[in-house]
C-alpha atoms as a PDB file:
ATOM      1  CA  MET A   1       0.124 -27.078  32.720  1.00  0.00           C
ATOM      2  CA  ASP A   2      -1.193 -29.189  30.853  1.00  0.00           C
ATOM      3  CA  ARG A   3      -2.742 -26.705  27.980  1.00  0.00           C
ATOM      4  CA  LYS A   4      -3.803 -27.688  24.338  1.00  0.00           C
ATOM      5  CA  ILE A   5      -3.637 -25.594  21.205  1.00  0.00           C
ATOM      6  CA  LEU A   6      -5.599 -26.641  18.046  1.00  0.00           C
ATOM      7  CA  ILE A   7      -3.736 -25.718  14.752  1.00  0.00           C
ATOM      8  CA  HIS A   8      -5.712 -26.177  11.656  1.00  0.00           C
ATOM      9  CA  ASN A   9      -4.127 -25.960   8.273  1.00  0.00           C
ATOM     10  CA  GLY A  10      -1.604 -23.727   9.799  1.00  0.00           C
ATOM     11  CA  GLN A  11      -3.834 -21.437  11.641  1.00  0.00           C
ATOM     12  CA  LEU A  12      -2.897 -20.066  14.634  1.00  0.00           C
ATOM     13  CA  THR A  13      -5.029 -17.310  15.175  1.00  0.00           C
ATOM     14  CA  GLU A  14      -7.796 -15.244  13.649  1.00  0.00           C
ATOM     15  CA  HIS A  15      -4.711 -13.259  11.246  1.00  0.00           C
ATOM     16  CA  PHE A  16      -1.925 -15.548  11.468  1.00  0.00           C
ATOM     17  CA  ASN A  17      -0.866 -18.781  10.110  1.00  0.00           C
ATOM     18  CA  LEU A  18       2.402 -20.847  11.397  1.00  0.00           C
ATOM     19  CA  TRP A  19       4.195 -20.123   7.679  1.00  0.00           C
ATOM     20  CA  GLU A  20       4.015 -16.670   8.202  1.00  0.00           C
ATOM     21  CA  PHE A  21       6.172 -16.599  10.912  1.00  0.00           C
ATOM     22  CA  ALA A  22       8.425 -19.750   8.826  1.00  0.00           C
ATOM     23  CA  HIS A  23      11.498 -18.787   7.232  1.00  0.00           C
ATOM     24  CA  LYS A  24      11.537 -18.560   3.615  1.00  0.00           C
ATOM     25  CA  SER A  25      14.214 -21.196   3.310  1.00  0.00           C
ATOM     26  CA  GLY A  26      11.286 -23.835   4.066  1.00  0.00           C
ATOM     27  CA  ALA A  27      13.642 -24.121   7.220  1.00  0.00           C
ATOM     28  CA  GLU A  28      11.706 -26.015   9.996  1.00  0.00           C
ATOM     29  CA  ILE A  29      10.590 -23.625  12.554  1.00  0.00           C
ATOM     30  CA  GLU A  30      11.300 -23.341  16.512  1.00  0.00           C
ATOM     31  CA  ILE A  31       7.410 -24.022  18.282  1.00  0.00           C
ATOM     32  CA  ASN A  32       7.660 -24.070  21.487  1.00  0.00           C
ATOM     33  CA  TYR A  33       5.713 -22.632  25.237  1.00  0.00           C
ATOM     34  CA  ASP A  34       6.594 -18.826  24.686  1.00  0.00           C
ATOM     35  CA  PHE A  35       5.920 -18.606  20.888  1.00  0.00           C
ATOM     36  CA  ILE A  36       2.320 -21.050  20.851  1.00  0.00           C
ATOM     37  CA  TYR A  37       1.749 -19.078  24.660  1.00  0.00           C
ATOM     38  CA  ILE A  38       2.558 -15.665  24.767  1.00  0.00           C
ATOM     39  CA  PHE A  39       4.341 -14.708  21.621  1.00  0.00           C
ATOM     40  CA  VAL A  40       1.642 -15.126  19.147  1.00  0.00           C
ATOM     41  CA  PRO A  41      -1.238 -14.410  21.423  1.00  0.00           C
ATOM     42  CA  ALA A  42       0.822 -10.731  21.820  1.00  0.00           C
ATOM     43  CA  VAL A  43       0.940 -10.410  17.528  1.00  0.00           C
ATOM     44  CA  GLU A  44      -2.953 -11.166  17.518  1.00  0.00           C
ATOM     45  CA  THR A  45      -3.934  -8.652  20.599  1.00  0.00           C
ATOM     46  CA  PHE A  46      -1.058  -6.053  18.743  1.00  0.00           C
ATOM     47  CA  ARG A  47      -3.055  -6.715  15.276  1.00  0.00           C
ATOM     48  CA  VAL A  48      -6.213  -6.369  16.632  1.00  0.00           C
ATOM     49  CA  TRP A  49      -5.494  -2.907  18.033  1.00  0.00           C
ATOM     50  CA  TYR A  50      -2.957  -2.128  14.866  1.00  0.00           C
ATOM     51  CA  ASN A  51      -6.635  -2.571  12.689  1.00  0.00           C
ATOM     52  CA  ARG A  52      -4.131  -2.830   9.965  1.00  0.00           C
ATOM     53  CA  GLU A  53      -2.477  -5.879   7.749  1.00  0.00           C
ATOM     54  CA  ILE A  54       0.511  -7.285   9.126  1.00  0.00           C
ATOM     55  CA  ASN A  55       2.496  -9.334   7.133  1.00  0.00           C
ATOM     56  CA  PRO A  56       5.439 -11.118   8.687  1.00  0.00           C
ATOM     57  CA  THR A  57       8.637  -9.918   6.592  1.00  0.00           C
ATOM     58  CA  SER A  58      10.719 -11.640   8.722  1.00  0.00           C
ATOM     59  CA  GLY A  59      10.026 -14.393  11.288  1.00  0.00           C
ATOM     60  CA  TYR A  60      12.293 -17.341  12.291  1.00  0.00           C
ATOM     61  CA  ARG A  61      15.819 -17.778  11.449  1.00  0.00           C
ATOM     62  CA  PRO A  62      18.055 -20.567  11.280  1.00  0.00           C
ATOM     63  CA  PRO A  63      21.230 -19.568  12.989  1.00  0.00           C
ATOM     64  CA  ALA A  64      22.609 -19.785   9.839  1.00  0.00           C
ATOM     65  CA  TYR A  65      20.628 -17.152   7.878  1.00  0.00           C
ATOM     66  CA  ASN A  66      20.491 -15.034  11.275  1.00  0.00           C
ATOM     67  CA  ALA A  67      24.314 -14.964  11.103  1.00  0.00           C
ATOM     68  CA  THR A  68      24.338 -13.520   7.378  1.00  0.00           C
ATOM     69  CA  ILE A  69      21.805 -10.281   8.106  1.00  0.00           C
ATOM     70  CA  PRO A  70      24.119  -7.277   9.102  1.00  0.00           C
ATOM     71  CA  GLY A  71      23.844  -6.408  12.409  1.00  0.00           C
ATOM     72  CA  ALA A  72      21.945  -9.255  13.739  1.00  0.00           C
ATOM     73  CA  SER A  73      22.271  -9.957  17.088  1.00  0.00           C
ATOM     74  CA  LYS A  74      23.578 -13.805  17.862  1.00  0.00           C
ATOM     75  CA  ASN A  75      21.200 -13.839  20.354  1.00  0.00           C
ATOM     76  CA  SER A  76      18.068 -12.311  17.686  1.00  0.00           C
ATOM     77  CA  SER A  77      14.499 -12.748  19.356  1.00  0.00           C
ATOM     78  CA  HIS A  78      14.183 -14.588  15.393  1.00  0.00           C
ATOM     79  CA  LEU A  79      16.746 -17.216  16.454  1.00  0.00           C
ATOM     80  CA  HIS A  80      13.270 -18.433  19.402  1.00  0.00           C
ATOM     81  CA  THR A  81      10.525 -17.486  16.751  1.00  0.00           C
ATOM     82  CA  TRP A  82       9.658 -14.692  19.385  1.00  0.00           C
ATOM     83  CA  ALA A  83      10.225 -11.950  17.050  1.00  0.00           C
ATOM     84  CA  ILE A  84       8.748 -10.603  13.653  1.00  0.00           C
ATOM     85  CA  ASP A  85       9.529  -7.407  10.979  1.00  0.00           C
ATOM     86  CA  PHE A  86       6.712  -6.354   8.946  1.00  0.00           C
ATOM     87  CA  LEU A  87       6.491  -3.242   6.548  1.00  0.00           C
ATOM     88  CA  LEU A  88       4.808   0.051   7.626  1.00  0.00           C
ATOM     89  CA  PRO A  89       1.801   1.199   6.468  1.00  0.00           C
ATOM     90  CA  VAL A  90       1.676   3.199   2.886  1.00  0.00           C
ATOM     91  CA  GLU A  91      -0.045   5.528   5.079  1.00  0.00           C
ATOM     92  CA  PHE A  92       2.654   6.285   7.347  1.00  0.00           C
ATOM     93  CA  PHE A  93       4.769   7.728   4.595  1.00  0.00           C
ATOM     94  CA  THR A  94       2.096  10.681   3.895  1.00  0.00           C
ATOM     95  CA  PHE A  95       2.441  11.645   7.661  1.00  0.00           C
ATOM     96  CA  SER A  96       4.342  14.515   8.915  1.00  0.00           C
ATOM     97  CA  LYS A  97       7.468  13.632  11.109  1.00  0.00           C
ATOM     98  CA  SER A  98       5.510  14.779  14.067  1.00  0.00           C
ATOM     99  CA  ARG A  99       3.178  12.575  13.349  1.00  0.00           C
ATOM    100  CA  GLN A 100       5.540   9.426  12.207  1.00  0.00           C
ATOM    101  CA  ASN A 101       6.261   9.875  15.322  1.00  0.00           C
ATOM    102  CA  GLU A 102       3.466   9.730  17.383  1.00  0.00           C
ATOM    103  CA  PHE A 103       2.612   6.341  15.459  1.00  0.00           C
ATOM    104  CA  LEU A 104       5.411   4.911  16.512  1.00  0.00           C
ATOM    105  CA  LEU A 105       5.099   6.089  20.008  1.00  0.00           C
ATOM    106  CA  ASN A 106       1.997   4.700  19.823  1.00  0.00           C
ATOM    107  CA  VAL A 107       3.187   1.198  18.656  1.00  0.00           C
ATOM    108  CA  ARG A 108       5.652   1.067  20.930  1.00  0.00           C
ATOM    109  CA  ARG A 109       3.397   1.766  23.689  1.00  0.00           C
ATOM    110  CA  LYS A 110       0.942  -0.625  23.048  1.00  0.00           C
ATOM    111  CA  TRP A 111       3.688  -3.421  22.334  1.00  0.00           C
ATOM    112  CA  THR A 112       4.973  -2.903  25.893  1.00  0.00           C
ATOM    113  CA  GLU A 113       1.778  -2.697  27.409  1.00  0.00           C
ATOM    114  CA  ILE A 114       0.878  -6.258  25.775  1.00  0.00           C
ATOM    115  CA  CYS A 115       3.970  -7.736  26.468  1.00  0.00           C
ATOM    116  CA  HIS A 116       3.962  -6.783  30.383  1.00  0.00           C
ATOM    117  CA  ALA A 117       0.789  -8.160  30.732  1.00  0.00           C
ATOM    118  CA  LEU A 118       2.085 -11.635  29.168  1.00  0.00           C
ATOM    119  CA  GLY A 119       5.017 -11.118  31.728  1.00  0.00           C
ATOM    120  CA  VAL A 120       7.690 -10.671  28.973  1.00  0.00           C
ATOM    121  CA  TYR A 121       9.691  -7.779  28.028  1.00  0.00           C
ATOM    122  CA  ALA A 122       9.265  -5.401  24.577  1.00  0.00           C
ATOM    123  CA  GLN A 123      11.339  -5.656  21.979  1.00  0.00           C
ATOM    124  CA  CYS A 124      10.423  -3.037  19.517  1.00  0.00           C
ATOM    125  CA  ASN A 125      12.572  -1.235  16.941  1.00  0.00           C
ATOM    126  CA  PHE A 126      11.894   1.130  14.242  1.00  0.00           C
ATOM    127  CA  TYR A 127      13.177   1.043  10.769  1.00  0.00           C
ATOM    128  CA  ASP A 128      12.899   3.595   7.855  1.00  0.00           C
ATOM    129  CA  ASN A 129      10.311   1.387   5.886  1.00  0.00           C
ATOM    130  CA  ARG A 130       9.223  -1.599   8.554  1.00  0.00           C
ATOM    131  CA  LEU A 131       8.777  -2.443  12.097  1.00  0.00           C
ATOM    132  CA  HIS A 132      10.256  -4.886  14.246  1.00  0.00           C
ATOM    133  CA  LEU A 133       8.291  -6.313  17.214  1.00  0.00           C
ATOM    134  CA  GLY A 134       9.913  -9.015  19.353  1.00  0.00           C
ATOM    135  CA  ILE A 135       9.582 -10.513  23.260  1.00  0.00           C
ATOM    136  CA  SER A 136      12.335 -11.317  26.007  1.00  0.00           C
ATOM    137  CA  ARG A 137      12.819 -12.295  28.941  1.00  0.00           C
ATOM    138  CA  LYS A 138      15.809 -10.342  29.776  1.00  0.00           C
ATOM    139  CA  ASN A 139      14.942  -6.693  29.569  1.00  0.00           C
ATOM    140  CA  ASP A 140      12.782  -3.934  27.357  1.00  0.00           C
ATOM    141  CA  SER A 141      14.582  -2.814  24.538  1.00  0.00           C
ATOM    142  CA  PHE A 142      13.603  -0.246  22.074  1.00  0.00           C
ATOM    143  CA  LEU A 143      16.235   1.427  19.256  1.00  0.00           C
ATOM    144  CA  ASP A 144      15.498   3.956  16.606  1.00  0.00           C
ATOM    145  CA  LEU A 145      17.523   2.755  13.579  1.00  0.00           C
ATOM    146  CA  ARG A 146      15.121   4.849  10.999  1.00  0.00           C
ATOM    147  CA  THR A 147      18.249   6.718   9.089  1.00  0.00           C
ATOM    148  CA  LYS A 148      16.021   9.745   7.651  1.00  0.00           C
END
């Protein structure tokens, strides 16, 4: 397949720049087929549906850095630039518990729908103050790691 992608000043899509996926250390980012043609389009589609800012707090992770993160998988999708973490919107914390759960379930459903339409599996993890969205070639993975 001979596809070309044009990146101007790092802009990948309307809402995302390549550098938002890079590690804060300035380490080189892994750009591969799945990142360009599956993950980035999936995240852009999700961002349009989500209708809120998504400012990634973690994208690509170099292996040495990933190894320092407690609980991080040795096969983390972050190692392949196939995952992002971002903060939950401020209004989430004003919701009742049942509304918070409904919000997260909607996120999970939409991310899964987007990933399956692109022929990959969905990763969706919930933390106390952030979300993790990733793709996998193996299986869907959903973790609720909230402590509150």
